[in-house]
Amino acid sequence: MRYSKAGRRKRRALSGLLALCMMLGLLPPLTMTAQAAGSAAAARIYALRDRYPQGCYWNHAGPDLNGYGVTEVPCPSHDSYATCNSHVYNGDTSYQCRGFAKVIFKEVFGQEPDDLPKNYNIENVMPGDYVRFGNERAGHSFIVLERNGDEVTVLECNIGGRCIIQWGRVQSLSGALNYASASNPKYVYFSYSVHASNYDELEMPAGFAMPEDPSYRPIPDDSFPGR
């Protein structure tokens, strides 16, 4: 069958439209897979809020509140690690922020950050990742809850208090982080992140519903002891 010039143009246009529709038809499942993995990681972390309450302390300076090394009492001093909790793996002991972030990562993904490759590209940081600013001797570690451009919302321990647990601080990935006090600041920058190898296989925790508002709203200060 022969087509007029106008008919051939119409067929080419329809063919192009069909190809575009097929391509677009493939995109949603891929996008949803990435979103689902990120949502599952965030949900698994948020599900730990009752276990590691805002404003309590990850140490053994007082009575353990729940069997997870959480107390109402700040460390009296950080001249030593005497009252700080730790995470031990392969002969390496991680205290304070570094130990806490590794414990959370292990609880969420069942993996040790030290067993996984390090990512040195800020662009690759995702919710659920373990992040280190500075070096292993001087700096700060945290877990990413959410990412919005260059900024991440984090779960952390021992910034702004002696092993205090904090949810919801916002940190610029490309900016400086003061891991010391306001009167004696010590600034460090992004060093690396660690991404779980089973990230895409995570499922939403049973019985847990993410809030309708995807942004994190910090738990009121009077909801938990230790503030």
C-alpha atoms as a PDB file:
ATOM      1  CA  MET A   1       0.000   0.000   0.000  1.00  0.00           C
ATOM      2  CA  ARG A   2       1.327   3.406  -0.950  1.00  0.00           C
ATOM      3  CA  TYR A   3       0.841   6.465   1.223  1.00  0.00           C
ATOM      4  CA  SER A   4       0.774  10.089   0.261  1.00  0.00           C
ATOM      5  CA  LYS A   5       3.528  12.376   1.549  1.00  0.00           C
ATOM      6  CA  ALA A   6       1.134  13.688   4.204  1.00  0.00           C
ATOM      7  CA  GLY A   7       0.239  10.108   5.153  1.00  0.00           C
ATOM      8  CA  ARG A   8       3.890   9.114   5.529  1.00  0.00           C
ATOM      9  CA  ARG A   9       4.508  12.116   7.798  1.00  0.00           C
ATOM     10  CA  LYS A  10       1.488  11.137   9.876  1.00  0.00           C
ATOM     11  CA  ARG A  11       2.738   7.534  10.196  1.00  0.00           C
ATOM     12  CA  ARG A  12       6.187   8.714  11.271  1.00  0.00           C
ATOM     13  CA  ALA A  13       4.623  11.016  13.850  1.00  0.00           C
ATOM     14  CA  LEU A  14       2.432   8.212  15.194  1.00  0.00           C
ATOM     15  CA  SER A  15       5.393   5.826  15.309  1.00  0.00           C
ATOM     16  CA  GLY A  16       7.415   8.390  17.241  1.00  0.00           C
ATOM     17  CA  LEU A  17       4.525   8.943  19.648  1.00  0.00           C
ATOM     18  CA  LEU A  18       4.140   5.199  20.160  1.00  0.00           C
ATOM     19  CA  ALA A  19       7.877   4.823  20.876  1.00  0.00           C
ATOM     20  CA  LEU A  20       7.714   7.690  23.355  1.00  0.00           C
ATOM     21  CA  CYS A  21       4.721   6.120  25.120  1.00  0.00           C
ATOM     22  CA  MET A  22       6.578   2.804  25.352  1.00  0.00           C
ATOM     23  CA  MET A  23       9.609   4.529  26.828  1.00  0.00           C
ATOM     24  CA  LEU A  24       7.495   6.427  29.338  1.00  0.00           C
ATOM     25  CA  GLY A  25       5.732   3.215  30.203  1.00  0.00           C
ATOM     26  CA  LEU A  26       9.038   1.761  31.347  1.00  0.00           C
ATOM     27  CA  LEU A  27       9.984   4.686  33.573  1.00  0.00           C
ATOM     28  CA  PRO A  28       7.429   4.531  36.403  1.00  0.00           C
ATOM     29  CA  PRO A  29       8.418   1.030  37.654  1.00  0.00           C
ATOM     30  CA  LEU A  30      12.093   2.055  37.837  1.00  0.00           C
ATOM     31  CA  THR A  31      11.274   5.292  39.619  1.00  0.00           C
ATOM     32  CA  MET A  32       8.898   3.569  42.005  1.00  0.00           C
ATOM     33  CA  THR A  33      11.512   0.925  42.798  1.00  0.00           C
ATOM     34  CA  ALA A  34      14.006   3.600  43.831  1.00  0.00           C
ATOM     35  CA  GLN A  35      11.358   5.475  45.817  1.00  0.00           C
ATOM     36  CA  ALA A  36      10.187   2.295  47.508  1.00  0.00           C
ATOM     37  CA  ALA A  37      13.721   1.385  48.559  1.00  0.00           C
ATOM     38  CA  GLY A  38      14.319   4.866  49.938  1.00  0.00           C
ATOM     39  CA  SER A  39      10.977   4.870  51.736  1.00  0.00           C
ATOM     40  CA  ALA A  40      11.631   1.439  53.239  1.00  0.00           C
ATOM     41  CA  ALA A  41      15.038   2.539  54.521  1.00  0.00           C
ATOM     42  CA  ALA A  42      13.607   5.730  56.016  1.00  0.00           C
ATOM     43  CA  ALA A  43      10.680   3.844  57.548  1.00  0.00           C
ATOM     44  CA  ARG A  44      12.973   1.285  59.158  1.00  0.00           C
ATOM     45  CA  ILE A  45      15.008   4.083  60.722  1.00  0.00           C
ATOM     46  CA  TYR A  46      11.982   6.083  61.885  1.00  0.00           C
ATOM     47  CA  ALA A  47      10.587   2.894  63.425  1.00  0.00           C
ATOM     48  CA  LEU A  48      13.510   3.054  65.880  1.00  0.00           C
ATOM     49  CA  ARG A  49      12.421   6.376  67.403  1.00  0.00           C
ATOM     50  CA  ASP A  50      10.874   4.734  70.470  1.00  0.00           C
ATOM     51  CA  ARG A  51      14.005   2.640  70.967  1.00  0.00           C
ATOM     52  CA  TYR A  52      16.348   5.620  70.686  1.00  0.00           C
ATOM     53  CA  PRO A  53      14.265   8.595  71.881  1.00  0.00           C
ATOM     54  CA  GLN A  54      14.996  12.198  71.064  1.00  0.00           C
ATOM     55  CA  GLY A  55      16.883  13.887  73.904  1.00  0.00           C
ATOM     56  CA  CYS A  56      17.948  10.734  75.739  1.00  0.00           C
ATOM     57  CA  TYR A  57      21.556   9.536  75.849  1.00  0.00           C
ATOM     58  CA  TRP A  58      23.327   6.572  74.280  1.00  0.00           C
ATOM     59  CA  ASN A  59      25.606   5.704  77.192  1.00  0.00           C
ATOM     60  CA  HIS A  60      25.756   3.900  80.517  1.00  0.00           C
ATOM     61  CA  ALA A  61      25.967   6.951  82.775  1.00  0.00           C
ATOM     62  CA  GLY A  62      22.626   5.984  84.363  1.00  0.00           C
ATOM     63  CA  PRO A  63      20.109   3.137  84.454  1.00  0.00           C
ATOM     64  CA  ASP A  64      19.398   1.551  81.067  1.00  0.00           C
ATOM     65  CA  LEU A  65      15.829   2.524  80.133  1.00  0.00           C
ATOM     66  CA  ASN A  66      15.039  -0.140  77.565  1.00  0.00           C
ATOM     67  CA  GLY A  67      17.877  -2.625  77.083  1.00  0.00           C
ATOM     68  CA  TYR A  68      19.407  -0.677  74.171  1.00  0.00           C
ATOM     69  CA  GLY A  69      21.917   1.405  76.097  1.00  0.00           C
ATOM     70  CA  VAL A  70      19.662   4.449  76.426  1.00  0.00           C
ATOM     71  CA  THR A  71      19.634   6.527  79.624  1.00  0.00           C
ATOM     72  CA  GLU A  72      18.323   9.817  80.962  1.00  0.00           C
ATOM     73  CA  VAL A  73      21.766  10.894  82.160  1.00  0.00           C
ATOM     74  CA  PRO A  74      24.411  12.670  80.044  1.00  0.00           C
ATOM     75  CA  CYS A  75      28.020  11.586  80.241  1.00  0.00           C
ATOM     76  CA  PRO A  76      29.598  13.618  83.064  1.00  0.00           C
ATOM     77  CA  SER A  77      32.735  14.162  80.997  1.00  0.00           C
ATOM     78  CA  HIS A  78      34.311  13.162  77.708  1.00  0.00           C
ATOM     79  CA  ASP A  79      37.855  13.264  78.997  1.00  0.00           C
ATOM     80  CA  SER A  80      37.573   9.494  78.566  1.00  0.00           C
ATOM     81  CA  TYR A  81      35.115   6.947  77.166  1.00  0.00           C
ATOM     82  CA  ALA A  82      34.264   5.693  80.659  1.00  0.00           C
ATOM     83  CA  THR A  83      30.489   6.160  80.346  1.00  0.00           C
ATOM     84  CA  CYS A  84      30.178   6.105  76.538  1.00  0.00           C
ATOM     85  CA  ASN A  85      28.608   3.193  74.693  1.00  0.00           C
ATOM     86  CA  SER A  86      30.497   1.542  71.857  1.00  0.00           C
ATOM     87  CA  HIS A  87      30.212  -0.771  68.885  1.00  0.00           C
ATOM     88  CA  VAL A  88      32.873  -3.449  68.477  1.00  0.00           C
ATOM     89  CA  TYR A  89      33.540  -5.231  65.196  1.00  0.00           C
ATOM     90  CA  ASN A  90      36.634  -7.014  63.911  1.00  0.00           C
ATOM     91  CA  GLY A  91      38.691  -5.725  66.807  1.00  0.00           C
ATOM     92  CA  ASP A  92      37.777  -2.084  66.163  1.00  0.00           C
ATOM     93  CA  THR A  93      35.873  -0.198  68.865  1.00  0.00           C
ATOM     94  CA  SER A  94      33.756   2.758  67.763  1.00  0.00           C
ATOM     95  CA  TYR A  95      32.523   5.116  70.475  1.00  0.00           C
ATOM     96  CA  GLN A  96      29.967   7.905  70.636  1.00  0.00           C
ATOM     97  CA  CYS A  97      28.687   9.163  67.241  1.00  0.00           C
ATOM     98  CA  ARG A  98      30.626   6.619  65.183  1.00  0.00           C
ATOM     99  CA  GLY A  99      29.481   3.675  67.286  1.00  0.00           C
ATOM    100  CA  PHE A 100      25.880   4.864  67.391  1.00  0.00           C
ATOM    101  CA  ALA A 101      25.643   5.361  63.618  1.00  0.00           C
ATOM    102  CA  LYS A 102      27.091   1.891  63.027  1.00  0.00           C
ATOM    103  CA  VAL A 103      24.591   0.339  65.436  1.00  0.00           C
ATOM    104  CA  ILE A 104      21.675   2.019  63.629  1.00  0.00           C
ATOM    105  CA  PHE A 105      23.018   0.956  60.220  1.00  0.00           C
ATOM    106  CA  LYS A 106      23.361  -2.638  61.445  1.00  0.00           C
ATOM    107  CA  GLU A 107      19.831  -2.657  62.892  1.00  0.00           C
ATOM    108  CA  VAL A 108      18.316  -1.305  59.671  1.00  0.00           C
ATOM    109  CA  PHE A 109      20.268  -3.289  57.080  1.00  0.00           C
ATOM    110  CA  GLY A 110      21.795  -6.190  59.018  1.00  0.00           C
ATOM    111  CA  GLN A 111      25.221  -5.213  57.650  1.00  0.00           C
ATOM    112  CA  GLU A 112      28.401  -3.736  59.082  1.00  0.00           C
ATOM    113  CA  PRO A 113      29.498  -0.441  57.475  1.00  0.00           C
ATOM    114  CA  ASP A 114      33.126  -1.568  57.757  1.00  0.00           C
ATOM    115  CA  ASP A 115      32.408  -4.475  55.393  1.00  0.00           C
ATOM    116  CA  LEU A 116      31.106  -2.239  52.609  1.00  0.00           C
ATOM    117  CA  PRO A 117      32.868   0.021  50.080  1.00  0.00           C
ATOM    118  CA  LYS A 118      33.178   3.725  50.796  1.00  0.00           C
ATOM    119  CA  ASN A 119      31.629   6.315  48.510  1.00  0.00           C
ATOM    120  CA  TYR A 120      33.519   9.597  48.172  1.00  0.00           C
ATOM    121  CA  ASN A 121      31.003  11.359  45.920  1.00  0.00           C
ATOM    122  CA  ILE A 122      28.485  13.615  47.683  1.00  0.00           C
ATOM    123  CA  GLU A 123      26.037  13.158  44.794  1.00  0.00           C
ATOM    124  CA  ASN A 124      25.620   9.470  45.680  1.00  0.00           C
ATOM    125  CA  VAL A 125      24.541   9.959  49.301  1.00  0.00           C
ATOM    126  CA  MET A 126      21.050   8.512  49.933  1.00  0.00           C
ATOM    127  CA  PRO A 127      18.619   8.105  52.847  1.00  0.00           C
ATOM    128  CA  GLY A 128      19.799   5.304  55.110  1.00  0.00           C
ATOM    129  CA  ASP A 129      23.487   5.845  54.365  1.00  0.00           C
ATOM    130  CA  TYR A 130      26.173   6.019  57.009  1.00  0.00           C
ATOM    131  CA  VAL A 131      28.096   9.294  56.568  1.00  0.00           C
ATOM    132  CA  ARG A 132      31.449  10.384  57.985  1.00  0.00           C
ATOM    133  CA  PHE A 133      32.711  13.956  58.214  1.00  0.00           C
ATOM    134  CA  GLY A 134      36.406  14.348  59.038  1.00  0.00           C
ATOM    135  CA  ASN A 135      38.711  11.376  59.589  1.00  0.00           C
ATOM    136  CA  GLU A 136      38.297   8.334  61.828  1.00  0.00           C
ATOM    137  CA  ARG A 137      40.047   9.990  64.780  1.00  0.00           C
ATOM    138  CA  ALA A 138      38.446  13.436  64.671  1.00  0.00           C
ATOM    139  CA  GLY A 139      35.059  14.110  63.140  1.00  0.00           C
ATOM    140  CA  HIS A 140      31.413  13.074  63.221  1.00  0.00           C
ATOM    141  CA  SER A 141      29.233  10.245  61.923  1.00  0.00           C
ATOM    142  CA  PHE A 142      25.485  10.141  61.320  1.00  0.00           C
ATOM    143  CA  ILE A 143      22.722   8.310  59.483  1.00  0.00           C
ATOM    144  CA  VAL A 144      20.817  10.076  56.693  1.00  0.00           C
ATOM    145  CA  LEU A 145      17.054  10.230  57.185  1.00  0.00           C
ATOM    146  CA  GLU A 146      16.144  12.361  54.188  1.00  0.00           C
ATOM    147  CA  ARG A 147      17.876  14.275  51.432  1.00  0.00           C
ATOM    148  CA  ASN A 148      16.819  17.525  49.789  1.00  0.00           C
ATOM    149  CA  GLY A 149      19.422  18.715  47.308  1.00  0.00           C
ATOM    150  CA  ASP A 150      22.658  19.422  49.163  1.00  0.00           C
ATOM    151  CA  GLU A 151      20.993  19.127  52.565  1.00  0.00           C
ATOM    152  CA  VAL A 152      20.356  15.989  54.574  1.00  0.00           C
ATOM    153  CA  THR A 153      18.225  15.450  57.668  1.00  0.00           C
ATOM    154  CA  VAL A 154      20.067  13.177  60.066  1.00  0.00           C
ATOM    155  CA  LEU A 155      19.881  10.862  63.071  1.00  0.00           C
ATOM    156  CA  GLU A 156      22.943  11.178  65.291  1.00  0.00           C
ATOM    157  CA  CYS A 157      24.456  10.931  68.720  1.00  0.00           C
ATOM    158  CA  ASN A 158      26.882  13.174  70.593  1.00  0.00           C
ATOM    159  CA  ILE A 159      26.572  16.495  68.849  1.00  0.00           C
ATOM    160  CA  GLY A 160      25.385  19.315  71.071  1.00  0.00           C
ATOM    161  CA  GLY A 161      25.530  17.169  74.204  1.00  0.00           C
ATOM    162  CA  ARG A 162      27.376  14.355  75.911  1.00  0.00           C
ATOM    163  CA  CYS A 163      26.169  11.360  73.878  1.00  0.00           C
ATOM    164  CA  ILE A 164      22.731  12.920  73.384  1.00  0.00           C
ATOM    165  CA  ILE A 165      20.505  11.329  70.728  1.00  0.00           C
ATOM    166  CA  GLN A 166      19.103  13.759  68.182  1.00  0.00           C
ATOM    167  CA  TRP A 167      16.656  13.357  65.329  1.00  0.00           C
ATOM    168  CA  GLY A 168      16.107  15.923  62.614  1.00  0.00           C
ATOM    169  CA  ARG A 169      19.166  18.190  62.435  1.00  0.00           C
ATOM    170  CA  VAL A 170      19.820  19.456  58.892  1.00  0.00           C
ATOM    171  CA  GLN A 171      23.365  19.317  57.538  1.00  0.00           C
ATOM    172  CA  SER A 172      24.812  20.591  54.264  1.00  0.00           C
ATOM    173  CA  LEU A 173      26.834  17.843  52.579  1.00  0.00           C
ATOM    174  CA  SER A 174      29.157  20.348  50.931  1.00  0.00           C
ATOM    175  CA  GLY A 175      29.414  22.601  53.978  1.00  0.00           C
ATOM    176  CA  ALA A 176      31.386  22.465  57.208  1.00  0.00           C
ATOM    177  CA  LEU A 177      30.285  20.600  60.321  1.00  0.00           C
ATOM    178  CA  ASN A 178      31.272  21.780  63.793  1.00  0.00           C
ATOM    179  CA  TYR A 179      31.630  18.632  65.885  1.00  0.00           C
ATOM    180  CA  ALA A 180      32.844  20.486  68.977  1.00  0.00           C
ATOM    181  CA  SER A 181      31.344  23.346  70.964  1.00  0.00           C
ATOM    182  CA  ALA A 182      30.203  26.772  69.828  1.00  0.00           C
ATOM    183  CA  SER A 183      32.874  28.395  72.004  1.00  0.00           C
ATOM    184  CA  ASN A 184      35.629  26.115  70.697  1.00  0.00           C
ATOM    185  CA  PRO A 185      34.531  25.078  67.195  1.00  0.00           C
ATOM    186  CA  LYS A 186      36.257  22.337  65.224  1.00  0.00           C
ATOM    187  CA  TYR A 187      35.182  22.145  61.625  1.00  0.00           C
ATOM    188  CA  VAL A 188      35.291  19.089  59.381  1.00  0.00           C
ATOM    189  CA  TYR A 189      33.959  18.284  55.912  1.00  0.00           C
ATOM    190  CA  PHE A 190      32.395  15.341  54.108  1.00  0.00           C
ATOM    191  CA  SER A 191      34.758  12.403  53.931  1.00  0.00           C
ATOM    192  CA  TYR A 192      32.725   9.425  52.726  1.00  0.00           C
ATOM    193  CA  SER A 193      29.436   7.565  52.953  1.00  0.00           C
ATOM    194  CA  VAL A 194      28.530   3.873  53.070  1.00  0.00           C
ATOM    195  CA  HIS A 195      25.539   2.412  51.219  1.00  0.00           C
ATOM    196  CA  ALA A 196      23.987  -0.951  52.095  1.00  0.00           C
ATOM    197  CA  SER A 197      24.351  -3.657  49.451  1.00  0.00           C
ATOM    198  CA  ASN A 198      20.815  -4.912  50.182  1.00  0.00           C
ATOM    199  CA  TYR A 199      19.250  -1.437  49.978  1.00  0.00           C
ATOM    200  CA  ASP A 200      16.929  -2.254  47.064  1.00  0.00           C
ATOM    201  CA  GLU A 201      15.709  -5.436  48.770  1.00  0.00           C
ATOM    202  CA  LEU A 202      14.317  -3.731  51.873  1.00  0.00           C
ATOM    203  CA  GLU A 203      10.646  -3.994  52.685  1.00  0.00           C
ATOM    204  CA  MET A 204       8.532  -1.658  54.769  1.00  0.00           C
ATOM    205  CA  PRO A 205       8.472  -2.768  58.424  1.00  0.00           C
ATOM    206  CA  ALA A 206       5.270  -4.588  59.337  1.00  0.00           C
ATOM    207  CA  GLY A 207       2.605  -2.387  60.828  1.00  0.00           C
ATOM    208  CA  PHE A 208       4.521   0.847  60.282  1.00  0.00           C
ATOM    209  CA  ALA A 209       2.957   3.707  58.324  1.00  0.00           C
ATOM    210  CA  MET A 210       5.054   6.614  57.140  1.00  0.00           C
ATOM    211  CA  PRO A 211       3.527  10.015  57.982  1.00  0.00           C
ATOM    212  CA  GLU A 212       1.547  11.694  55.214  1.00  0.00           C
ATOM    213  CA  ASP A 213       3.889  14.654  55.459  1.00  0.00           C
ATOM    214  CA  PRO A 214       7.205  13.302  54.121  1.00  0.00           C
ATOM    215  CA  SER A 215       9.201  15.962  55.956  1.00  0.00           C
ATOM    216  CA  TYR A 216      10.345  15.052  59.444  1.00  0.00           C
ATOM    217  CA  ARG A 217       8.764  16.854  62.341  1.00  0.00           C
ATOM    218  CA  PRO A 218      10.971  16.647  65.453  1.00  0.00           C
ATOM    219  CA  ILE A 219       9.500  14.973  68.485  1.00  0.00           C
ATOM    220  CA  PRO A 220       8.395  17.593  71.067  1.00  0.00           C
ATOM    221  CA  ASP A 221      11.020  18.180  73.716  1.00  0.00           C
ATOM    222  CA  ASP A 222       8.665  17.281  76.548  1.00  0.00           C
ATOM    223  CA  SER A 223       7.786  13.908  75.018  1.00  0.00           C
ATOM    224  CA  PHE A 224      10.928  12.252  76.301  1.00  0.00           C
ATOM    225  CA  PRO A 225      13.167  12.623  79.337  1.00  0.00           C
ATOM    226  CA  GLY A 226      16.683  13.947  79.335  1.00  0.00           C
ATOM    227  CA  ARG A 227      16.279  17.388  77.795  1.00  0.00           C
END
